[in-house]
Amino acid sequence: WSSILRIESVQRRFTRMIEGVGLLPYSERLQVLQLTTLAERRSRGDLIEVWKASQGLSRLAGVFNFSRSGVNLICKPGKSKSSKINRIKRNFINERVMLFWNKLPIEVKNAPTLNSFKANLELFKSKTKAFGT
């Protein structure tokens, strides 16, 4: 996360330099400039990868464990005794994205095309503020 925070600080600094929005709080600058945080972009990219995997369009398809219905993500039981290994596992895409994917309504998950998935995801995000820092 330290590298993500450093990159995010570059975006914070840069948006401060833009005339007319530089004095606004960071969240308002992002809204005015129609930008998102790095964490939001990462979550969106992860969700797009899961959708592709659910459609058989991703090389990462074997990484995700879908429920019997094929809609929700599940985790395989079994935790390591090592806290370091558990901490590392949390950063794997299947662990990072599970909570967000399972919160999505079925209409979003079952979108017929990638573009419709993206549009439905943005609509859901704007209605619920489900993703953020």
N, C-alpha and C. Protein backbone atom coordinates (compact mmCIF):
# COMPACT_ATOMS: atom_id res chain seq x y z
N TRP A 1 0.80 -1.21 0.00
CA TRP A 1 0.00 0.00 0.00
C TRP A 1 0.84 1.26 0.00
N SER A 2 2.08 1.18 0.45
CA SER A 2 2.88 2.40 0.52
C SER A 2 3.11 2.98 -0.87
N SER A 3 3.32 2.14 -1.88
CA SER A 3 3.51 2.66 -3.23
C SER A 3 2.22 3.28 -3.76
N ILE A 4 1.09 2.69 -3.42
CA ILE A 4 -0.20 3.25 -3.85
C ILE A 4 -0.41 4.63 -3.22
N LEU A 5 -0.08 4.75 -1.94
CA LEU A 5 -0.24 6.04 -1.26
C LEU A 5 0.70 7.09 -1.85
N ARG A 6 1.91 6.68 -2.24
CA ARG A 6 2.83 7.64 -2.86
C ARG A 6 2.30 8.13 -4.19
N ILE A 7 1.78 7.20 -4.99
CA ILE A 7 1.22 7.59 -6.29
C ILE A 7 0.00 8.49 -6.09
N GLU A 8 -0.82 8.16 -5.11
CA GLU A 8 -2.00 8.97 -4.81
C GLU A 8 -1.58 10.38 -4.39
N SER A 9 -0.48 10.50 -3.66
CA SER A 9 -0.03 11.83 -3.24
C SER A 9 0.40 12.67 -4.43
N VAL A 10 0.91 12.04 -5.49
CA VAL A 10 1.25 12.77 -6.71
C VAL A 10 -0.02 13.35 -7.33
N GLN A 11 -1.08 12.54 -7.37
CA GLN A 11 -2.35 13.02 -7.91
C GLN A 11 -2.90 14.15 -7.06
N ARG A 12 -2.79 14.03 -5.74
CA ARG A 12 -3.25 15.09 -4.84
C ARG A 12 -2.52 16.40 -5.14
N ARG A 13 -1.18 16.30 -5.23
CA ARG A 13 -0.37 17.48 -5.48
C ARG A 13 -0.70 18.11 -6.83
N PHE A 14 -0.81 17.26 -7.85
CA PHE A 14 -1.08 17.77 -9.18
C PHE A 14 -2.43 18.48 -9.25
N THR A 15 -3.45 17.88 -8.63
CA THR A 15 -4.78 18.52 -8.69
C THR A 15 -4.81 19.84 -7.93
N ARG A 16 -3.92 20.02 -6.97
CA ARG A 16 -3.82 21.31 -6.26
C ARG A 16 -3.33 22.42 -7.18
N MET A 17 -2.57 22.05 -8.20
CA MET A 17 -1.98 23.05 -9.10
C MET A 17 -2.96 23.55 -10.16
N ILE A 18 -4.10 22.92 -10.29
CA ILE A 18 -5.06 23.29 -11.33
C ILE A 18 -5.87 24.49 -10.87
N GLU A 19 -5.80 25.54 -11.66
CA GLU A 19 -6.48 26.78 -11.30
C GLU A 19 -7.99 26.57 -11.23
N GLY A 20 -8.59 27.12 -10.20
CA GLY A 20 -10.03 27.04 -10.03
C GLY A 20 -10.48 25.90 -9.13
N VAL A 21 -9.66 24.88 -8.98
CA VAL A 21 -10.04 23.76 -8.11
C VAL A 21 -8.98 23.46 -7.05
N GLY A 22 -7.84 24.09 -7.16
CA GLY A 22 -6.71 23.78 -6.28
C GLY A 22 -6.98 23.98 -4.80
N LEU A 23 -7.90 24.87 -4.46
CA LEU A 23 -8.17 25.14 -3.05
C LEU A 23 -9.29 24.28 -2.47
N LEU A 24 -9.96 23.52 -3.33
CA LEU A 24 -11.04 22.64 -2.86
C LEU A 24 -10.45 21.43 -2.13
N PRO A 25 -11.24 20.80 -1.26
CA PRO A 25 -10.79 19.54 -0.65
C PRO A 25 -10.57 18.50 -1.76
N TYR A 26 -9.69 17.54 -1.49
CA TYR A 26 -9.30 16.55 -2.49
C TYR A 26 -10.50 15.84 -3.10
N SER A 27 -11.45 15.41 -2.28
CA SER A 27 -12.61 14.68 -2.80
C SER A 27 -13.41 15.54 -3.78
N GLU A 28 -13.55 16.82 -3.49
CA GLU A 28 -14.27 17.72 -4.39
C GLU A 28 -13.49 17.98 -5.67
N ARG A 29 -12.15 18.09 -5.55
CA ARG A 29 -11.32 18.25 -6.75
C ARG A 29 -11.51 17.06 -7.68
N LEU A 30 -11.55 15.87 -7.11
CA LEU A 30 -11.74 14.67 -7.93
C LEU A 30 -13.09 14.70 -8.63
N GLN A 31 -14.13 15.13 -7.92
CA GLN A 31 -15.46 15.20 -8.55
C GLN A 31 -15.49 16.20 -9.69
N VAL A 32 -14.94 17.37 -9.45
CA VAL A 32 -14.94 18.42 -10.47
C VAL A 32 -14.15 17.98 -11.70
N LEU A 33 -13.02 17.31 -11.46
CA LEU A 33 -12.16 16.88 -12.57
C LEU A 33 -12.57 15.52 -13.14
N GLN A 34 -13.60 14.93 -12.57
CA GLN A 34 -14.10 13.61 -12.98
C GLN A 34 -12.99 12.56 -12.92
N LEU A 35 -12.29 12.54 -11.79
CA LEU A 35 -11.23 11.57 -11.53
C LEU A 35 -11.65 10.67 -10.37
N THR A 36 -10.94 9.57 -10.20
CA THR A 36 -11.17 8.70 -9.06
C THR A 36 -9.84 8.47 -8.36
N THR A 37 -9.92 7.95 -7.16
CA THR A 37 -8.70 7.62 -6.43
C THR A 37 -8.07 6.37 -7.03
N LEU A 38 -6.82 6.15 -6.74
CA LEU A 38 -6.13 4.98 -7.23
C LEU A 38 -6.78 3.70 -6.68
N ALA A 39 -7.21 3.72 -5.45
CA ALA A 39 -7.88 2.55 -4.85
C ALA A 39 -9.17 2.23 -5.59
N GLU A 40 -9.93 3.25 -5.97
CA GLU A 40 -11.16 3.03 -6.73
C GLU A 40 -10.87 2.45 -8.11
N ARG A 41 -9.82 2.97 -8.76
CA ARG A 41 -9.46 2.45 -10.08
C ARG A 41 -9.01 1.00 -9.98
N ARG A 42 -8.29 0.68 -8.92
CA ARG A 42 -7.83 -0.70 -8.72
C ARG A 42 -9.02 -1.63 -8.50
N SER A 43 -9.97 -1.22 -7.67
CA SER A 43 -11.15 -2.03 -7.42
C SER A 43 -11.96 -2.23 -8.71
N ARG A 44 -12.10 -1.19 -9.48
CA ARG A 44 -12.84 -1.28 -10.74
C ARG A 44 -12.15 -2.26 -11.69
N GLY A 45 -10.84 -2.15 -11.81
CA GLY A 45 -10.08 -3.05 -12.66
C GLY A 45 -10.19 -4.50 -12.20
N ASP A 46 -10.16 -4.70 -10.88
CA ASP A 46 -10.32 -6.05 -10.33
C ASP A 46 -11.69 -6.62 -10.68
N LEU A 47 -12.74 -5.79 -10.54
CA LEU A 47 -14.09 -6.26 -10.84
C LEU A 47 -14.25 -6.59 -12.33
N ILE A 48 -13.61 -5.81 -13.17
CA ILE A 48 -13.66 -6.09 -14.61
C ILE A 48 -12.99 -7.45 -14.89
N GLU A 49 -11.88 -7.72 -14.21
CA GLU A 49 -11.20 -9.01 -14.39
C GLU A 49 -12.07 -10.17 -13.93
N VAL A 50 -12.79 -9.99 -12.82
CA VAL A 50 -13.69 -11.05 -12.34
C VAL A 50 -14.81 -11.28 -13.34
N TRP A 51 -15.38 -10.19 -13.89
CA TRP A 51 -16.43 -10.35 -14.89
C TRP A 51 -15.90 -11.13 -16.09
N LYS A 52 -14.70 -10.76 -16.56
CA LYS A 52 -14.10 -11.48 -17.69
C LYS A 52 -13.91 -12.95 -17.34
N ALA A 53 -13.45 -13.24 -16.12
CA ALA A 53 -13.26 -14.63 -15.70
C ALA A 53 -14.59 -15.38 -15.68
N SER A 54 -15.64 -14.71 -15.21
CA SER A 54 -16.94 -15.36 -15.14
C SER A 54 -17.49 -15.67 -16.53
N GLN A 55 -17.00 -14.94 -17.53
CA GLN A 55 -17.43 -15.15 -18.92
C GLN A 55 -16.46 -16.04 -19.69
N GLY A 56 -15.38 -16.46 -19.01
CA GLY A 56 -14.36 -17.29 -19.68
C GLY A 56 -13.47 -16.50 -20.60
N LEU A 57 -13.33 -15.20 -20.37
CA LEU A 57 -12.55 -14.33 -21.24
C LEU A 57 -11.21 -13.91 -20.65
N SER A 58 -10.85 -14.45 -19.50
CA SER A 58 -9.64 -14.02 -18.81
C SER A 58 -8.72 -15.19 -18.56
N ARG A 59 -7.43 -14.91 -18.61
CA ARG A 59 -6.45 -15.93 -18.27
C ARG A 59 -6.47 -16.21 -16.76
N LEU A 60 -7.10 -15.34 -16.00
CA LEU A 60 -7.16 -15.50 -14.54
C LEU A 60 -8.38 -16.32 -14.10
N ALA A 61 -9.08 -16.91 -15.03
CA ALA A 61 -10.32 -17.62 -14.70
C ALA A 61 -10.12 -18.66 -13.59
N GLY A 62 -8.99 -19.35 -13.56
CA GLY A 62 -8.75 -20.37 -12.55
C GLY A 62 -8.43 -19.82 -11.17
N VAL A 63 -8.20 -18.54 -11.08
CA VAL A 63 -7.85 -17.91 -9.80
C VAL A 63 -9.08 -17.73 -8.92
N PHE A 64 -10.23 -17.54 -9.54
CA PHE A 64 -11.44 -17.24 -8.80
C PHE A 64 -12.26 -18.50 -8.54
N ASN A 65 -12.84 -18.58 -7.35
CA ASN A 65 -13.71 -19.69 -6.99
C ASN A 65 -15.14 -19.15 -6.92
N PHE A 66 -15.95 -19.55 -7.90
CA PHE A 66 -17.33 -19.10 -7.93
C PHE A 66 -18.21 -20.09 -7.17
N SER A 67 -19.29 -19.58 -6.61
CA SER A 67 -20.25 -20.43 -5.91
C SER A 67 -20.91 -21.37 -6.91
N ARG A 68 -21.69 -22.31 -6.41
CA ARG A 68 -22.38 -23.26 -7.30
C ARG A 68 -23.27 -22.56 -8.30
N SER A 69 -23.84 -21.45 -7.89
CA SER A 69 -24.71 -20.69 -8.80
C SER A 69 -23.89 -20.00 -9.88
N GLY A 70 -22.58 -19.87 -9.65
CA GLY A 70 -21.72 -19.20 -10.61
C GLY A 70 -21.76 -17.70 -10.52
N VAL A 71 -22.41 -17.18 -9.48
CA VAL A 71 -22.60 -15.73 -9.37
C VAL A 71 -21.67 -15.10 -8.35
N ASN A 72 -21.58 -15.66 -7.15
CA ASN A 72 -20.75 -15.09 -6.09
C ASN A 72 -19.38 -15.73 -6.04
N LEU A 73 -18.43 -14.97 -5.50
CA LEU A 73 -17.11 -15.52 -5.25
C LEU A 73 -17.07 -16.12 -3.86
N ILE A 74 -16.36 -17.20 -3.71
CA ILE A 74 -16.19 -17.82 -2.40
C ILE A 74 -14.70 -18.03 -2.16
N CYS A 75 -14.34 -18.18 -0.91
CA CYS A 75 -12.94 -18.48 -0.61
C CYS A 75 -12.85 -19.92 -0.16
N LYS A 76 -11.72 -20.51 -0.46
CA LYS A 76 -11.50 -21.87 -0.01
C LYS A 76 -11.10 -21.83 1.45
N PRO A 77 -11.63 -22.73 2.26
CA PRO A 77 -11.28 -22.71 3.68
C PRO A 77 -9.81 -23.07 3.88
N GLY A 78 -9.32 -22.63 5.00
CA GLY A 78 -7.95 -22.97 5.35
C GLY A 78 -7.08 -21.73 5.45
N LYS A 79 -6.75 -21.37 6.63
CA LYS A 79 -5.86 -20.25 6.86
C LYS A 79 -4.50 -20.78 7.26
N SER A 80 -3.51 -20.06 6.87
CA SER A 80 -2.16 -20.43 7.26
C SER A 80 -1.96 -20.01 8.71
N LYS A 81 -1.09 -20.70 9.40
CA LYS A 81 -0.77 -20.31 10.78
C LYS A 81 0.12 -19.08 10.81
N SER A 82 0.72 -18.77 9.69
CA SER A 82 1.61 -17.62 9.62
C SER A 82 0.83 -16.35 9.30
N SER A 83 0.94 -15.37 10.17
CA SER A 83 0.23 -14.11 9.93
C SER A 83 0.82 -13.39 8.72
N LYS A 84 2.11 -13.59 8.46
CA LYS A 84 2.73 -12.96 7.30
C LYS A 84 2.13 -13.51 6.00
N ILE A 85 1.93 -14.81 5.93
CA ILE A 85 1.33 -15.41 4.75
C ILE A 85 -0.10 -14.94 4.59
N ASN A 86 -0.86 -14.86 5.67
CA ASN A 86 -2.24 -14.37 5.60
C ASN A 86 -2.29 -12.92 5.12
N ARG A 87 -1.32 -12.11 5.55
CA ARG A 87 -1.26 -10.71 5.14
C ARG A 87 -0.97 -10.62 3.64
N ILE A 88 -0.08 -11.47 3.15
CA ILE A 88 0.26 -11.48 1.73
C ILE A 88 -0.95 -11.93 0.91
N LYS A 89 -1.65 -12.96 1.38
CA LYS A 89 -2.81 -13.49 0.65
C LYS A 89 -3.90 -12.44 0.47
N ARG A 90 -4.03 -11.53 1.44
CA ARG A 90 -5.06 -10.49 1.34
C ARG A 90 -4.85 -9.60 0.13
N ASN A 91 -3.61 -9.51 -0.36
CA ASN A 91 -3.32 -8.66 -1.51
C ASN A 91 -3.53 -9.36 -2.84
N PHE A 92 -3.80 -10.65 -2.84
CA PHE A 92 -4.09 -11.36 -4.09
C PHE A 92 -5.43 -10.87 -4.61
N ILE A 93 -5.56 -10.84 -5.92
CA ILE A 93 -6.77 -10.29 -6.53
C ILE A 93 -8.04 -10.98 -6.05
N ASN A 94 -8.01 -12.31 -5.90
CA ASN A 94 -9.23 -13.01 -5.50
C ASN A 94 -9.67 -12.63 -4.10
N GLU A 95 -8.74 -12.30 -3.22
CA GLU A 95 -9.08 -11.86 -1.87
C GLU A 95 -9.52 -10.39 -1.86
N ARG A 96 -8.84 -9.56 -2.65
CA ARG A 96 -9.15 -8.12 -2.69
C ARG A 96 -10.55 -7.86 -3.20
N VAL A 97 -11.00 -8.64 -4.17
CA VAL A 97 -12.20 -8.29 -4.91
C VAL A 97 -13.46 -9.01 -4.41
N MET A 98 -13.31 -10.04 -3.61
CA MET A 98 -14.45 -10.87 -3.22
C MET A 98 -15.59 -10.07 -2.59
N LEU A 99 -15.29 -9.25 -1.62
CA LEU A 99 -16.32 -8.49 -0.91
C LEU A 99 -17.07 -7.56 -1.87
N PHE A 100 -16.31 -6.86 -2.74
CA PHE A 100 -16.94 -5.94 -3.69
C PHE A 100 -17.80 -6.69 -4.70
N TRP A 101 -17.29 -7.79 -5.25
CA TRP A 101 -18.05 -8.55 -6.25
C TRP A 101 -19.35 -9.08 -5.67
N ASN A 102 -19.29 -9.61 -4.46
CA ASN A 102 -20.48 -10.20 -3.86
C ASN A 102 -21.53 -9.16 -3.49
N LYS A 103 -21.15 -7.89 -3.39
CA LYS A 103 -22.11 -6.82 -3.12
C LYS A 103 -22.86 -6.36 -4.37
N LEU A 104 -22.33 -6.71 -5.54
CA LEU A 104 -22.96 -6.26 -6.78
C LEU A 104 -24.29 -6.97 -7.00
N PRO A 105 -25.27 -6.24 -7.51
CA PRO A 105 -26.55 -6.89 -7.84
C PRO A 105 -26.36 -7.84 -9.03
N ILE A 106 -27.24 -8.79 -9.13
CA ILE A 106 -27.16 -9.82 -10.15
C ILE A 106 -27.19 -9.22 -11.57
N GLU A 107 -27.93 -8.12 -11.75
CA GLU A 107 -28.01 -7.49 -13.07
C GLU A 107 -26.65 -6.99 -13.53
N VAL A 108 -25.83 -6.53 -12.59
CA VAL A 108 -24.50 -6.05 -12.94
C VAL A 108 -23.61 -7.24 -13.28
N LYS A 109 -23.63 -8.26 -12.43
CA LYS A 109 -22.76 -9.43 -12.64
C LYS A 109 -23.09 -10.17 -13.93
N ASN A 110 -24.35 -10.19 -14.32
CA ASN A 110 -24.77 -10.94 -15.50
C ASN A 110 -24.86 -10.09 -16.77
N ALA A 111 -24.17 -8.97 -16.79
CA ALA A 111 -24.19 -8.12 -17.99
C ALA A 111 -23.69 -8.92 -19.19
N PRO A 112 -24.35 -8.76 -20.34
CA PRO A 112 -23.98 -9.57 -21.50
C PRO A 112 -22.67 -9.18 -22.17
N THR A 113 -22.26 -7.92 -22.03
CA THR A 113 -21.02 -7.47 -22.66
C THR A 113 -20.17 -6.72 -21.63
N LEU A 114 -18.91 -6.57 -21.96
CA LEU A 114 -18.00 -5.85 -21.06
C LEU A 114 -18.44 -4.40 -20.91
N ASN A 115 -18.81 -3.77 -22.01
CA ASN A 115 -19.24 -2.36 -21.93
C ASN A 115 -20.51 -2.20 -21.10
N SER A 116 -21.44 -3.14 -21.21
CA SER A 116 -22.65 -3.03 -20.38
C SER A 116 -22.30 -3.30 -18.92
N PHE A 117 -21.34 -4.19 -18.66
CA PHE A 117 -20.90 -4.41 -17.28
C PHE A 117 -20.32 -3.11 -16.71
N LYS A 118 -19.44 -2.47 -17.47
CA LYS A 118 -18.83 -1.22 -17.00
C LYS A 118 -19.89 -0.15 -16.74
N ALA A 119 -20.85 -0.02 -17.64
CA ALA A 119 -21.91 0.99 -17.48
C ALA A 119 -22.76 0.68 -16.25
N ASN A 120 -23.13 -0.59 -16.09
CA ASN A 120 -23.93 -0.98 -14.92
C ASN A 120 -23.16 -0.80 -13.62
N LEU A 121 -21.86 -1.08 -13.67
CA LEU A 121 -21.01 -0.90 -12.49
C LEU A 121 -20.96 0.57 -12.08
N GLU A 122 -20.78 1.45 -13.05
CA GLU A 122 -20.74 2.89 -12.76
C GLU A 122 -22.08 3.38 -12.20
N LEU A 123 -23.16 2.88 -12.76
CA LEU A 123 -24.49 3.25 -12.27
C LEU A 123 -24.68 2.78 -10.82
N PHE A 124 -24.31 1.54 -10.54
CA PHE A 124 -24.40 1.01 -9.18
C PHE A 124 -23.53 1.81 -8.23
N LYS A 125 -22.32 2.10 -8.66
CA LYS A 125 -21.38 2.87 -7.83
C LYS A 125 -21.93 4.25 -7.51
N SER A 126 -22.52 4.91 -8.50
CA SER A 126 -23.05 6.26 -8.26
C SER A 126 -24.25 6.24 -7.32
N LYS A 127 -25.02 5.16 -7.36
CA LYS A 127 -26.19 5.07 -6.50
C LYS A 127 -25.83 4.72 -5.07
N THR A 128 -24.80 3.90 -4.87
CA THR A 128 -24.54 3.35 -3.54
C THR A 128 -23.29 3.86 -2.86
N LYS A 129 -22.40 4.46 -3.61
CA LYS A 129 -21.09 4.86 -3.05
C LYS A 129 -20.41 3.65 -2.42
N ALA A 130 -20.51 2.50 -3.10
CA ALA A 130 -20.01 1.23 -2.56
C ALA A 130 -18.50 1.15 -2.54
N PHE A 131 -17.84 1.90 -3.38
CA PHE A 131 -16.40 1.80 -3.46
C PHE A 131 -15.80 3.12 -3.04
N GLY A 132 -14.65 3.07 -2.48
CA GLY A 132 -14.00 4.31 -2.09
C GLY A 132 -12.82 4.04 -1.20
N THR A 133 -12.22 5.10 -0.78
CA THR A 133 -11.03 4.98 0.05
C THR A 133 -11.39 5.05 1.50
